[in-house]
Structures are given as C-alpha cells and as structure tokens.
Amino acid sequence: MLYHTDVVGLGLNAMDTICVVPRFPKPNAKIRLGEVRVEPGGQVATALTTCTRLGLRARYIGSVGTDDWGKAQLASLRAENLELCVREVERASSQIAVILLE
C-alpha cells in the first residue's frame, strides 16, 4: 500500500525547557526564573509540526533514546499526527535544550 506524503524531514527533535528571566544573568551569578515550561521542539520536528497544522501530510525520520525525554518526544510527535520512522536507542540520552528567554 502506498501512502501520500507531502513533506519528509530527517533530523533533530528535542524537548525544550524554556526559562523566562527578567534579564540575562551575569557570569557566575544566579537569577530568579519568572516561568519555566517544557515544550517539544527541535528544528525538524517543529517544521514538520507546522506542516501538519497547515494540512500537509508529514513524515519524521529520526531517533530518540528510551529515556523519559525520548518517550515525551515520541508522544508529542504522535499527538501532531506525524508519520513516524523513529529508531529508539537503548541507553541513549535524548536531545534536550535549556533556553533562557528574556
């Protein structure tokens, strides 16, 4: 059976921890976080999610670890109705990012 796919992406998916700060911290200093949220991200996964939200059929090709971050990444990709070709890698750490947002 053949499936129609409009867009295929190969590459990065991640879970982003976004920290809202009143200003960028000075080196070796602490700063109070105004808000912290965890959201799915990664350049390729985000672009493909945008494609599906615009009505295109998109396929994601990539890998994740079998850790909790990887499980969260897979859940977010599935929730966006992406066709998945994902390799789950035992004992691998999934991609995460910490983002400071001023």
PDB file of N, CA and C in Angstrom:
ATOM      1  N   MET A   1       0.837  -1.171   0.000  1.00  0.00           N
ATOM      2  CA  MET A   1       0.000   0.000   0.000  1.00  0.00           C
ATOM      3  C   MET A   1       0.890   1.245   0.000  1.00  0.00           C
ATOM      4  N   LEU A   2       0.637   2.179  -0.890  1.00  0.00           N
ATOM      5  CA  LEU A   2       1.392   3.421  -0.969  1.00  0.00           C
ATOM      6  C   LEU A   2       0.664   4.518  -0.204  1.00  0.00           C
ATOM      7  N   TYR A   3       1.445   5.311   0.487  1.00  0.00           N
ATOM      8  CA  TYR A   3       0.895   6.441   1.227  1.00  0.00           C
ATOM      9  C   TYR A   3       1.403   7.726   0.604  1.00  0.00           C
ATOM     10  N   HIS A   4       0.541   8.705   0.539  1.00  0.00           N
ATOM     11  CA  HIS A   4       0.933  10.010   0.035  1.00  0.00           C
ATOM     12  C   HIS A   4       1.535  10.821   1.178  1.00  0.00           C
ATOM     13  N   THR A   5       2.730  11.331   0.971  1.00  0.00           N
ATOM     14  CA  THR A   5       3.391  12.193   1.950  1.00  0.00           C
ATOM     15  C   THR A   5       3.826  13.456   1.232  1.00  0.00           C
ATOM     16  N   ASP A   6       3.487  14.613   1.801  1.00  0.00           N
ATOM     17  CA  ASP A   6       3.861  15.894   1.202  1.00  0.00           C
ATOM     18  C   ASP A   6       5.281  16.323   1.569  1.00  0.00           C
ATOM     19  N   VAL A   7       5.659  16.060   2.821  1.00  0.00           N
ATOM     20  CA  VAL A   7       6.939  16.555   3.338  1.00  0.00           C
ATOM     21  C   VAL A   7       7.593  15.466   4.178  1.00  0.00           C
ATOM     22  N   VAL A   8       8.902  15.280   4.000  1.00  0.00           N
ATOM     23  CA  VAL A   8       9.670  14.350   4.832  1.00  0.00           C
ATOM     24  C   VAL A   8      10.813  15.135   5.463  1.00  0.00           C
ATOM     25  N   GLY A   9      11.003  14.942   6.767  1.00  0.00           N
ATOM     26  CA  GLY A   9      12.100  15.600   7.463  1.00  0.00           C
ATOM     27  C   GLY A   9      12.943  14.579   8.198  1.00  0.00           C
ATOM     28  N   LEU A  10      14.249  14.772   8.128  1.00  0.00           N
ATOM     29  CA  LEU A  10      15.200  13.897   8.789  1.00  0.00           C
ATOM     30  C   LEU A  10      16.047  14.763   9.707  1.00  0.00           C
ATOM     31  N   GLY A  11      16.046  14.430  11.003  1.00  0.00           N
ATOM     32  CA  GLY A  11      16.924  15.205  11.879  1.00  0.00           C
ATOM     33  C   GLY A  11      16.397  15.405  13.276  1.00  0.00           C
ATOM     34  N   LEU A  12      16.673  16.590  13.784  1.00  0.00           N
ATOM     35  CA  LEU A  12      16.565  16.883  15.205  1.00  0.00           C
ATOM     36  C   LEU A  12      15.135  17.029  15.715  1.00  0.00           C
ATOM     37  N   ASN A  13      14.886  16.375  16.840  1.00  0.00           N
ATOM     38  CA  ASN A  13      13.731  16.638  17.689  1.00  0.00           C
ATOM     39  C   ASN A  13      14.296  16.792  19.090  1.00  0.00           C
ATOM     40  N   ALA A  14      13.623  17.515  19.935  1.00  0.00           N
ATOM     41  CA  ALA A  14      14.143  17.757  21.283  1.00  0.00           C
ATOM     42  C   ALA A  14      13.002  18.108  22.216  1.00  0.00           C
ATOM     43  N   MET A  15      13.296  18.099  23.492  1.00  0.00           N
ATOM     44  CA  MET A  15      12.398  18.673  24.483  1.00  0.00           C
ATOM     45  C   MET A  15      13.098  19.916  25.006  1.00  0.00           C
ATOM     46  N   ASP A  16      12.411  21.060  24.914  1.00  0.00           N
ATOM     47  CA  ASP A  16      12.986  22.337  25.317  1.00  0.00           C
ATOM     48  C   ASP A  16      12.464  22.737  26.694  1.00  0.00           C
ATOM     49  N   THR A  17      13.372  23.086  27.581  1.00  0.00           N
ATOM     50  CA  THR A  17      12.999  23.682  28.858  1.00  0.00           C
ATOM     51  C   THR A  17      13.198  25.180  28.700  1.00  0.00           C
ATOM     52  N   ILE A  18      12.093  25.915  28.692  1.00  0.00           N
ATOM     53  CA  ILE A  18      12.133  27.354  28.458  1.00  0.00           C
ATOM     54  C   ILE A  18      12.027  28.060  29.801  1.00  0.00           C
ATOM     55  N   CYS A  19      13.033  28.859  30.103  1.00  0.00           N
ATOM     56  CA  CYS A  19      13.101  29.596  31.363  1.00  0.00           C
ATOM     57  C   CYS A  19      12.982  31.083  31.062  1.00  0.00           C
ATOM     58  N   VAL A  20      11.931  31.713  31.576  1.00  0.00           N
ATOM     59  CA  VAL A  20      11.740  33.143  31.364  1.00  0.00           C
ATOM     60  C   VAL A  20      12.461  33.890  32.485  1.00  0.00           C
ATOM     61  N   VAL A  21      13.334  34.815  32.100  1.00  0.00           N
ATOM     62  CA  VAL A  21      14.137  35.565  33.068  1.00  0.00           C
ATOM     63  C   VAL A  21      13.922  37.066  32.843  1.00  0.00           C
ATOM     64  N   PRO A  22      14.056  37.884  33.899  1.00  0.00           N
ATOM     65  CA  PRO A  22      13.881  39.328  33.737  1.00  0.00           C
ATOM     66  C   PRO A  22      15.013  39.969  32.937  1.00  0.00           C
ATOM     67  N   ARG A  23      16.184  39.361  32.962  1.00  0.00           N
ATOM     68  CA  ARG A  23      17.343  39.831  32.219  1.00  0.00           C
ATOM     69  C   ARG A  23      18.314  38.653  32.103  1.00  0.00           C
ATOM     70  N   PHE A  24      19.232  38.727  31.178  1.00  0.00           N
ATOM     71  CA  PHE A  24      20.210  37.663  31.029  1.00  0.00           C
ATOM     72  C   PHE A  24      21.160  37.708  32.226  1.00  0.00           C
ATOM     73  N   PRO A  25      21.429  36.560  32.861  1.00  0.00           N
ATOM     74  CA  PRO A  25      22.276  36.568  34.060  1.00  0.00           C
ATOM     75  C   PRO A  25      23.743  36.876  33.748  1.00  0.00           C
ATOM     76  N   LYS A  26      24.407  37.508  34.709  1.00  0.00           N
ATOM     77  CA  LYS A  26      25.842  37.756  34.598  1.00  0.00           C
ATOM     78  C   LYS A  26      26.572  36.443  34.841  1.00  0.00           C
ATOM     79  N   PRO A  27      27.809  36.299  34.354  1.00  0.00           N
ATOM     80  CA  PRO A  27      28.567  35.066  34.598  1.00  0.00           C
ATOM     81  C   PRO A  27      28.696  34.759  36.094  1.00  0.00           C
ATOM     82  N   ASN A  28      28.585  33.497  36.428  1.00  0.00           N
ATOM     83  CA  ASN A  28      28.717  33.008  37.805  1.00  0.00           C
ATOM     84  C   ASN A  28      27.716  33.625  38.773  1.00  0.00           C
ATOM     85  N   ALA A  29      26.548  34.018  38.273  1.00  0.00           N
ATOM     86  CA  ALA A  29      25.513  34.621  39.117  1.00  0.00           C
ATOM     87  C   ALA A  29      24.226  33.813  38.996  1.00  0.00           C
ATOM     88  N   LYS A  30      23.379  33.970  39.981  1.00  0.00           N
ATOM     89  CA  LYS A  30      22.066  33.340  39.966  1.00  0.00           C
ATOM     90  C   LYS A  30      21.017  34.392  39.634  1.00  0.00           C
ATOM     91  N   ILE A  31      19.896  33.909  39.082  1.00  0.00           N
ATOM     92  CA  ILE A  31      18.802  34.816  38.759  1.00  0.00           C
ATOM     93  C   ILE A  31      17.487  34.062  38.977  1.00  0.00           C
ATOM     94  N   ARG A  32      16.484  34.761  39.434  1.00  0.00           N
ATOM     95  CA  ARG A  32      15.170  34.155  39.675  1.00  0.00           C
ATOM     96  C   ARG A  32      14.449  33.941  38.340  1.00  0.00           C
ATOM     97  N   LEU A  33      13.897  32.755  38.178  1.00  0.00           N
ATOM     98  CA  LEU A  33      13.142  32.439  36.971  1.00  0.00           C
ATOM     99  C   LEU A  33      11.697  32.879  37.157  1.00  0.00           C
ATOM    100  N   GLY A  34      11.167  33.589  36.172  1.00  0.00           N
ATOM    101  CA  GLY A  34       9.784  34.027  36.236  1.00  0.00           C
ATOM    102  C   GLY A  34       8.811  32.922  35.867  1.00  0.00           C
ATOM    103  N   GLU A  35       9.237  32.038  34.992  1.00  0.00           N
ATOM    104  CA  GLU A  35       8.375  30.950  34.497  1.00  0.00           C
ATOM    105  C   GLU A  35       9.279  29.865  33.920  1.00  0.00           C
ATOM    106  N   VAL A  36       8.872  28.631  34.073  1.00  0.00           N
ATOM    107  CA  VAL A  36       9.579  27.502  33.468  1.00  0.00           C
ATOM    108  C   VAL A  36       8.540  26.603  32.819  1.00  0.00           C
ATOM    109  N   ARG A  37       8.782  26.241  31.568  1.00  0.00           N
ATOM    110  CA  ARG A  37       7.868  25.317  30.895  1.00  0.00           C
ATOM    111  C   ARG A  37       8.679  24.381  30.000  1.00  0.00           C
ATOM    112  N   VAL A  38       8.170  23.189  29.824  1.00  0.00           N
ATOM    113  CA  VAL A  38       8.804  22.195  28.964  1.00  0.00           C
ATOM    114  C   VAL A  38       7.902  21.998  27.754  1.00  0.00           C
ATOM    115  N   GLU A  39       8.503  22.135  26.568  1.00  0.00           N
ATOM    116  CA  GLU A  39       7.743  22.023  25.326  1.00  0.00           C
ATOM    117  C   GLU A  39       8.536  21.205  24.311  1.00  0.00           C
ATOM    118  N   PRO A  40       7.838  20.493  23.432  1.00  0.00           N
ATOM    119  CA  PRO A  40       8.543  19.787  22.368  1.00  0.00           C
ATOM    120  C   PRO A  40       9.165  20.786  21.405  1.00  0.00           C
ATOM    121  N   GLY A  41      10.314  20.415  20.852  1.00  0.00           N
ATOM    122  CA  GLY A  41      10.996  21.313  19.929  1.00  0.00           C
ATOM    123  C   GLY A  41      11.926  20.560  19.010  1.00  0.00           C
ATOM    124  N   GLY A  42      12.975  21.235  18.608  1.00  0.00           N
ATOM    125  CA  GLY A  42      13.897  20.700  17.615  1.00  0.00           C
ATOM    126  C   GLY A  42      13.512  21.250  16.260  1.00  0.00           C
ATOM    127  N   GLN A  43      14.506  21.649  15.477  1.00  0.00           N
ATOM    128  CA  GLN A  43      14.226  22.334  14.220  1.00  0.00           C
ATOM    129  C   GLN A  43      13.369  21.513  13.264  1.00  0.00           C
ATOM    130  N   VAL A  44      13.715  20.267  13.052  1.00  0.00           N
ATOM    131  CA  VAL A  44      12.993  19.448  12.072  1.00  0.00           C
ATOM    132  C   VAL A  44      11.592  19.104  12.576  1.00  0.00           C
ATOM    133  N   ALA A  45      11.499  18.664  13.822  1.00  0.00           N
ATOM    134  CA  ALA A  45      10.191  18.303  14.383  1.00  0.00           C
ATOM    135  C   ALA A  45       9.249  19.504  14.400  1.00  0.00           C
ATOM    136  N   THR A  46       9.759  20.677  14.728  1.00  0.00           N
ATOM    137  CA  THR A  46       8.932  21.885  14.754  1.00  0.00           C
ATOM    138  C   THR A  46       8.456  22.247  13.353  1.00  0.00           C
ATOM    139  N   ALA A  47       9.340  22.156  12.373  1.00  0.00           N
ATOM    140  CA  ALA A  47       8.943  22.465  10.992  1.00  0.00           C
ATOM    141  C   ALA A  47       7.876  21.493  10.495  1.00  0.00           C
ATOM    142  N   LEU A  48       8.034  20.209  10.793  1.00  0.00           N
ATOM    143  CA  LEU A  48       7.050  19.224  10.352  1.00  0.00           C
ATOM    144  C   LEU A  48       5.724  19.391  11.065  1.00  0.00           C
ATOM    145  N   THR A  49       5.765  19.754  12.332  1.00  0.00           N
ATOM    146  CA  THR A  49       4.529  20.026  13.072  1.00  0.00           C
ATOM    147  C   THR A  49       3.772  21.180  12.415  1.00  0.00           C
ATOM    148  N   THR A  50       4.497  22.200  12.021  1.00  0.00           N
ATOM    149  CA  THR A  50       3.873  23.331  11.323  1.00  0.00           C
ATOM    150  C   THR A  50       3.223  22.859  10.031  1.00  0.00           C
ATOM    151  N   CYS A  51       3.899  21.984   9.304  1.00  0.00           N
ATOM    152  CA  CYS A  51       3.343  21.447   8.054  1.00  0.00           C
ATOM    153  C   CYS A  51       2.026  20.713   8.295  1.00  0.00           C
ATOM    154  N   THR A  52       1.985  19.855   9.340  1.00  0.00           N
ATOM    155  CA  THR A  52       0.741  19.111   9.592  1.00  0.00           C
ATOM    156  C   THR A  52      -0.375  20.061  10.014  1.00  0.00           C
ATOM    157  N   ARG A  53      -0.042  21.097  10.758  1.00  0.00           N
ATOM    158  CA  ARG A  53      -1.065  22.066  11.177  1.00  0.00           C
ATOM    159  C   ARG A  53      -1.593  22.878   9.999  1.00  0.00           C
ATOM    160  N   LEU A  54      -0.805  22.944   8.925  1.00  0.00           N
ATOM    161  CA  LEU A  54      -1.245  23.619   7.701  1.00  0.00           C
ATOM    162  C   LEU A  54      -1.971  22.666   6.749  1.00  0.00           C
ATOM    163  N   GLY A  55      -2.151  21.418   7.176  1.00  0.00           N
ATOM    164  CA  GLY A  55      -2.919  20.464   6.385  1.00  0.00           C
ATOM    165  C   GLY A  55      -2.109  19.524   5.514  1.00  0.00           C
ATOM    166  N   LEU A  56      -0.787  19.561   5.622  1.00  0.00           N
ATOM    167  CA  LEU A  56       0.050  18.658   4.832  1.00  0.00           C
ATOM    168  C   LEU A  56       0.275  17.353   5.587  1.00  0.00           C
ATOM    169  N   ARG A  57       0.569  16.300   4.839  1.00  0.00           N
ATOM    170  CA  ARG A  57       0.969  15.020   5.454  1.00  0.00           C
ATOM    171  C   ARG A  57       2.481  15.033   5.567  1.00  0.00           C
ATOM    172  N   ALA A  58       2.972  14.877   6.797  1.00  0.00           N
ATOM    173  CA  ALA A  58       4.417  14.988   7.034  1.00  0.00           C
ATOM    174  C   ALA A  58       4.935  13.731   7.713  1.00  0.00           C
ATOM    175  N   ARG A  59       6.135  13.345   7.334  1.00  0.00           N
ATOM    176  CA  ARG A  59       6.796  12.170   7.906  1.00  0.00           C
ATOM    177  C   ARG A  59       8.099  12.612   8.569  1.00  0.00           C
ATOM    178  N   TYR A  60       8.291  12.166   9.815  1.00  0.00           N
ATOM    179  CA  TYR A  60       9.511  12.465  10.552  1.00  0.00           C
ATOM    180  C   TYR A  60      10.391  11.223  10.602  1.00  0.00           C
ATOM    181  N   ILE A  61      11.680  11.384  10.279  1.00  0.00           N
ATOM    182  CA  ILE A  61      12.658  10.302  10.375  1.00  0.00           C
ATOM    183  C   ILE A  61      13.735  10.751  11.356  1.00  0.00           C
ATOM    184  N   GLY A  62      13.955   9.971  12.399  1.00  0.00           N
ATOM    185  CA  GLY A  62      14.963  10.337  13.376  1.00  0.00           C
ATOM    186  C   GLY A  62      15.096   9.277  14.451  1.00  0.00           C
ATOM    187  N   SER A  63      15.708   9.663  15.561  1.00  0.00           N
ATOM    188  CA  SER A  63      15.887   8.727  16.662  1.00  0.00           C
ATOM    189  C   SER A  63      15.727   9.446  17.991  1.00  0.00           C
ATOM    190  N   VAL A  64      15.413   8.653  19.004  1.00  0.00           N
ATOM    191  CA  VAL A  64      15.309   9.138  20.379  1.00  0.00           C
ATOM    192  C   VAL A  64      15.887   8.063  21.286  1.00  0.00           C
ATOM    193  N   GLY A  65      16.246   8.468  22.492  1.00  0.00           N
ATOM    194  CA  GLY A  65      16.645   7.493  23.494  1.00  0.00           C
ATOM    195  C   GLY A  65      15.399   6.862  24.102  1.00  0.00           C
ATOM    196  N   THR A  66      15.600   5.813  24.869  1.00  0.00           N
ATOM    197  CA  THR A  66      14.461   5.161  25.528  1.00  0.00           C
ATOM    198  C   THR A  66      14.211   5.764  26.909  1.00  0.00           C
ATOM    199  N   ASP A  67      14.821   6.917  27.188  1.00  0.00           N
ATOM    200  CA  ASP A  67      14.635   7.605  28.460  1.00  0.00           C
ATOM    201  C   ASP A  67      13.285   8.340  28.488  1.00  0.00           C
ATOM    202  N   ASP A  68      12.978   8.992  29.597  1.00  0.00           N
ATOM    203  CA  ASP A  68      11.710   9.711  29.728  1.00  0.00           C
ATOM    204  C   ASP A  68      11.581  10.851  28.723  1.00  0.00           C
ATOM    205  N   TRP A  69      12.697  11.513  28.427  1.00  0.00           N
ATOM    206  CA  TRP A  69      12.656  12.585  27.426  1.00  0.00           C
ATOM    207  C   TRP A  69      12.272  12.029  26.060  1.00  0.00           C
ATOM    208  N   GLY A  70      12.831  10.883  25.704  1.00  0.00           N
ATOM    209  CA  GLY A  70      12.502  10.258  24.425  1.00  0.00           C
ATOM    210  C   GLY A  70      11.033   9.858  24.346  1.00  0.00           C
ATOM    211  N   LYS A  71      10.518   9.333  25.452  1.00  0.00           N
ATOM    212  CA  LYS A  71       9.091   8.977  25.491  1.00  0.00           C
ATOM    213  C   LYS A  71       8.224  10.215  25.305  1.00  0.00           C
ATOM    214  N   ALA A  72       8.609  11.325  25.930  1.00  0.00           N
ATOM    215  CA  ALA A  72       7.857  12.580  25.784  1.00  0.00           C
ATOM    216  C   ALA A  72       7.944  13.098  24.349  1.00  0.00           C
ATOM    217  N   GLN A  73       9.126  12.967  23.734  1.00  0.00           N
ATOM    218  CA  GLN A  73       9.289  13.395  22.346  1.00  0.00           C
ATOM    219  C   GLN A  73       8.385  12.589  21.416  1.00  0.00           C
ATOM    220  N   LEU A  74       8.387  11.276  21.601  1.00  0.00           N
ATOM    221  CA  LEU A  74       7.533  10.425  20.759  1.00  0.00           C
ATOM    222  C   LEU A  74       6.063  10.767  20.937  1.00  0.00           C
ATOM    223  N   ALA A  75       5.649  10.981  22.177  1.00  0.00           N
ATOM    224  CA  ALA A  75       4.247  11.331  22.445  1.00  0.00           C
ATOM    225  C   ALA A  75       3.873  12.639  21.754  1.00  0.00           C
ATOM    226  N   SER A  76       4.776  13.610  21.783  1.00  0.00           N
ATOM    227  CA  SER A  76       4.469  14.898  21.146  1.00  0.00           C
ATOM    228  C   SER A  76       4.394  14.761  19.628  1.00  0.00           C
ATOM    229  N   LEU A  77       5.262  13.953  19.045  1.00  0.00           N
ATOM    230  CA  LEU A  77       5.231  13.742  17.597  1.00  0.00           C
ATOM    231  C   LEU A  77       3.952  13.019  17.176  1.00  0.00           C
ATOM    232  N   ARG A  78       3.567  12.025  17.953  1.00  0.00           N
ATOM    233  CA  ARG A  78       2.323  11.298  17.658  1.00  0.00           C
ATOM    234  C   ARG A  78       1.106  12.209  17.790  1.00  0.00           C
ATOM    235  N   ALA A  79       1.124  13.074  18.792  1.00  0.00           N
ATOM    236  CA  ALA A  79      -0.011  13.979  19.027  1.00  0.00           C
ATOM    237  C   ALA A  79      -0.213  14.946  17.864  1.00  0.00           C
ATOM    238  N   GLU A  80       0.843  15.191  17.100  1.00  0.00           N
ATOM    239  CA  GLU A  80       0.755  16.104  15.950  1.00  0.00           C
ATOM    240  C   GLU A  80       0.426  15.369  14.652  1.00  0.00           C
ATOM    241  N   ASN A  81       0.111  14.079  14.761  1.00  0.00           N
ATOM    242  CA  ASN A  81      -0.280  13.271  13.599  1.00  0.00           C
ATOM    243  C   ASN A  81       0.802  13.167  12.530  1.00  0.00           C
ATOM    244  N   LEU A  82       2.054  13.145  12.968  1.00  0.00           N
ATOM    245  CA  LEU A  82       3.158  12.916  12.039  1.00  0.00           C
ATOM    246  C   LEU A  82       3.284  11.422  11.751  1.00  0.00           C
ATOM    247  N   GLU A  83       3.632  11.082  10.524  1.00  0.00           N
ATOM    248  CA  GLU A  83       4.009   9.708  10.220  1.00  0.00           C
ATOM    249  C   GLU A  83       5.416   9.537  10.773  1.00  0.00           C
ATOM    250  N   LEU A  84       5.654   8.474  11.518  1.00  0.00           N
ATOM    251  CA  LEU A  84       6.932   8.330  12.209  1.00  0.00           C
ATOM    252  C   LEU A  84       7.754   7.154  11.707  1.00  0.00           C
ATOM    253  N   CYS A  85       9.018   7.427  11.487  1.00  0.00           N
ATOM    254  CA  CYS A  85      10.042   6.415  11.239  1.00  0.00           C
ATOM    255  C   CYS A  85      11.135   6.702  12.260  1.00  0.00           C
ATOM    256  N   VAL A  86      10.894   6.289  13.506  1.00  0.00           N
ATOM    257  CA  VAL A  86      11.768   6.661  14.611  1.00  0.00           C
ATOM    258  C   VAL A  86      12.448   5.426  15.178  1.00  0.00           C
ATOM    259  N   ARG A  87      13.746   5.547  15.362  1.00  0.00           N
ATOM    260  CA  ARG A  87      14.537   4.490  15.988  1.00  0.00           C
ATOM    261  C   ARG A  87      14.699   4.859  17.464  1.00  0.00           C
ATOM    262  N   GLU A  88      14.321   3.937  18.339  1.00  0.00           N
ATOM    263  CA  GLU A  88      14.505   4.134  19.777  1.00  0.00           C
ATOM    264  C   GLU A  88      15.803   3.443  20.175  1.00  0.00           C
ATOM    265  N   VAL A  89      16.745   4.219  20.716  1.00  0.00           N
ATOM    266  CA  VAL A  89      18.087   3.734  21.006  1.00  0.00           C
ATOM    267  C   VAL A  89      18.241   3.482  22.513  1.00  0.00           C
ATOM    268  N   GLU A  90      18.478   2.216  22.858  1.00  0.00           N
ATOM    269  CA  GLU A  90      18.681   1.847  24.271  1.00  0.00           C
ATOM    270  C   GLU A  90      19.885   2.571  24.856  1.00  0.00           C
ATOM    271  N   ARG A  91      19.747   3.018  26.092  1.00  0.00           N
ATOM    272  CA  ARG A  91      20.819   3.658  26.859  1.00  0.00           C
ATOM    273  C   ARG A  91      21.330   4.956  26.236  1.00  0.00           C
ATOM    274  N   ALA A  92      20.612   5.523  25.278  1.00  0.00           N
ATOM    275  CA  ALA A  92      20.998   6.806  24.691  1.00  0.00           C
ATOM    276  C   ALA A  92      20.219   7.925  25.376  1.00  0.00           C
ATOM    277  N   SER A  93      20.855   9.056  25.520  1.00  0.00           N
ATOM    278  CA  SER A  93      20.180  10.230  26.074  1.00  0.00           C
ATOM    279  C   SER A  93      19.506  10.988  24.941  1.00  0.00           C
ATOM    280  N   SER A  94      18.252  11.313  25.132  1.00  0.00           N
ATOM    281  CA  SER A  94      17.526  12.080  24.119  1.00  0.00           C
ATOM    282  C   SER A  94      17.952  13.538  24.162  1.00  0.00           C
ATOM    283  N   GLN A  95      17.758  14.222  23.056  1.00  0.00           N
ATOM    284  CA  GLN A  95      18.146  15.636  22.932  1.00  0.00           C
ATOM    285  C   GLN A  95      17.251  16.509  23.784  1.00  0.00           C
ATOM    286  N   ILE A  96      17.862  17.375  24.573  1.00  0.00           N
ATOM    287  CA  ILE A  96      17.120  18.392  25.325  1.00  0.00           C
ATOM    288  C   ILE A  96      17.847  19.719  25.158  1.00  0.00           C
ATOM    289  N   ALA A  97      17.141  20.804  25.432  1.00  0.00           N
ATOM    290  CA  ALA A  97      17.743  22.137  25.388  1.00  0.00           C
ATOM    291  C   ALA A  97      17.167  22.946  26.541  1.00  0.00           C
ATOM    292  N   VAL A  98      17.995  23.812  27.095  1.00  0.00           N
ATOM    293  CA  VAL A  98      17.554  24.778  28.102  1.00  0.00           C
ATOM    294  C   VAL A  98      17.687  26.144  27.449  1.00  0.00           C
ATOM    295  N   ILE A  99      16.571  26.877  27.399  1.00  0.00           N
ATOM    296  CA  ILE A  99      16.518  28.148  26.686  1.00  0.00           C
ATOM    297  C   ILE A  99      16.178  29.241  27.689  1.00  0.00           C
ATOM    298  N   LEU A 100      17.008  30.271  27.724  1.00  0.00           N
ATOM    299  CA  LEU A 100      16.719  31.446  28.548  1.00  0.00           C
ATOM    300  C   LEU A 100      16.016  32.468  27.669  1.00  0.00           C
ATOM    301  N   LEU A 101      14.826  32.885  28.085  1.00  0.00           N
ATOM    302  CA  LEU A 101      14.024  33.818  27.315  1.00  0.00           C
ATOM    303  C   LEU A 101      13.843  35.081  28.137  1.00  0.00           C
ATOM    304  N   GLU A 102      14.401  36.182  27.639  1.00  0.00           N
ATOM    305  CA  GLU A 102      14.324  37.446  28.365  1.00  0.00           C
ATOM    306  C   GLU A 102      13.035  38.166  28.010  1.00  0.00           C
TER     307      GLU A 102
END
